[in-house]
Amino acid sequence: MTTTSCTPTEPRTDIGMFVHQLRHLLGLAQAQFAMQLKVAVPTIARWENNRTQPSTLPLMQLKKWSQQKM
């Protein structure tokens, strides 16, 4: 019987790109974007670099903004 080690799931790379592109589409700097989402500025960088993913509330706001821009 073969065993496999469990590794943490890698963040989806499209989330970081989505956050980055939406921020640019809105014409906001990371600090402005962070203020609008009520998160710390380094959080935006972590999302854009795929080190972490947005939690549910910021993700819902991001989705809302993206639908308004389309």
Protein backbone atom coordinates (compact mmCIF):
# COMPACT_ATOMS: atom_id res chain seq x y z
CA MET A 1 0.00 0.00 0.00
CA THR A 2 1.31 3.41 -0.97
CA THR A 3 0.86 6.44 1.22
CA THR A 4 0.95 10.00 0.04
CA SER A 5 1.85 12.98 2.13
CA CYS A 6 -0.74 15.68 2.57
CA THR A 7 0.39 19.05 1.35
CA PRO A 8 -1.46 22.30 1.76
CA THR A 9 -3.49 23.31 -1.23
CA GLU A 10 -1.80 25.97 -3.30
CA PRO A 11 -3.79 29.18 -3.68
CA ARG A 12 -5.46 29.53 -7.05
CA THR A 13 -3.33 31.79 -9.20
CA ASP A 14 -6.32 33.41 -10.87
CA ILE A 15 -7.42 35.03 -7.58
CA GLY A 16 -4.23 37.10 -7.39
CA MET A 17 -4.54 38.17 -11.00
CA PHE A 18 -8.24 38.99 -10.50
CA VAL A 19 -7.48 41.20 -7.46
CA HIS A 20 -4.62 42.95 -9.26
CA GLN A 21 -6.60 43.60 -12.44
CA LEU A 22 -9.69 44.77 -10.58
CA ARG A 23 -7.64 47.18 -8.48
CA HIS A 24 -6.08 48.64 -11.63
CA LEU A 25 -9.45 48.79 -13.37
CA LEU A 26 -10.78 50.81 -10.44
CA GLY A 27 -7.71 53.06 -10.61
CA LEU A 28 -6.75 52.47 -6.99
CA ALA A 29 -3.39 52.14 -5.29
CA GLN A 30 -2.96 49.22 -2.90
CA ALA A 31 -3.46 51.54 0.09
CA GLN A 32 -6.71 52.94 -1.31
CA PHE A 33 -7.95 49.46 -2.22
CA ALA A 34 -7.11 48.19 1.27
CA MET A 35 -8.97 51.10 2.88
CA GLN A 36 -12.07 50.42 0.77
CA LEU A 37 -12.01 46.73 1.76
CA LYS A 38 -11.12 47.50 5.41
CA VAL A 39 -7.99 45.34 5.33
CA ALA A 40 -4.31 46.09 5.89
CA VAL A 41 -2.21 47.21 2.94
CA PRO A 42 0.10 44.15 3.10
CA THR A 43 -3.00 41.97 2.77
CA ILE A 44 -3.60 43.32 -0.75
CA ALA A 45 -0.01 42.48 -1.72
CA ARG A 46 -0.39 38.96 -0.29
CA TRP A 47 -3.59 38.44 -2.31
CA GLU A 48 -2.00 39.74 -5.51
CA ASN A 49 1.09 37.56 -4.99
CA ASN A 50 -1.05 34.48 -4.22
CA ARG A 51 0.36 34.05 -0.74
CA THR A 52 -3.14 34.20 0.79
CA GLN A 53 -6.69 34.43 -0.46
CA PRO A 54 -9.39 36.92 0.48
CA SER A 55 -11.84 35.79 3.14
CA THR A 56 -15.54 35.62 2.35
CA LEU A 57 -16.53 39.24 3.06
CA PRO A 58 -13.78 40.92 1.02
CA LEU A 59 -14.28 38.36 -1.74
CA MET A 60 -17.99 39.22 -1.92
CA GLN A 61 -17.11 42.93 -2.19
CA LEU A 62 -14.56 42.21 -4.93
CA LYS A 63 -17.16 40.25 -6.86
CA LYS A 64 -19.68 43.09 -6.48
CA TRP A 65 -17.17 45.65 -7.77
CA SER A 66 -16.22 43.46 -10.72
CA GLN A 67 -19.89 43.06 -11.71
CA GLN A 68 -20.42 46.82 -11.52
CA LYS A 69 -17.45 47.43 -13.83
CA MET A 70 -18.64 44.97 -16.49
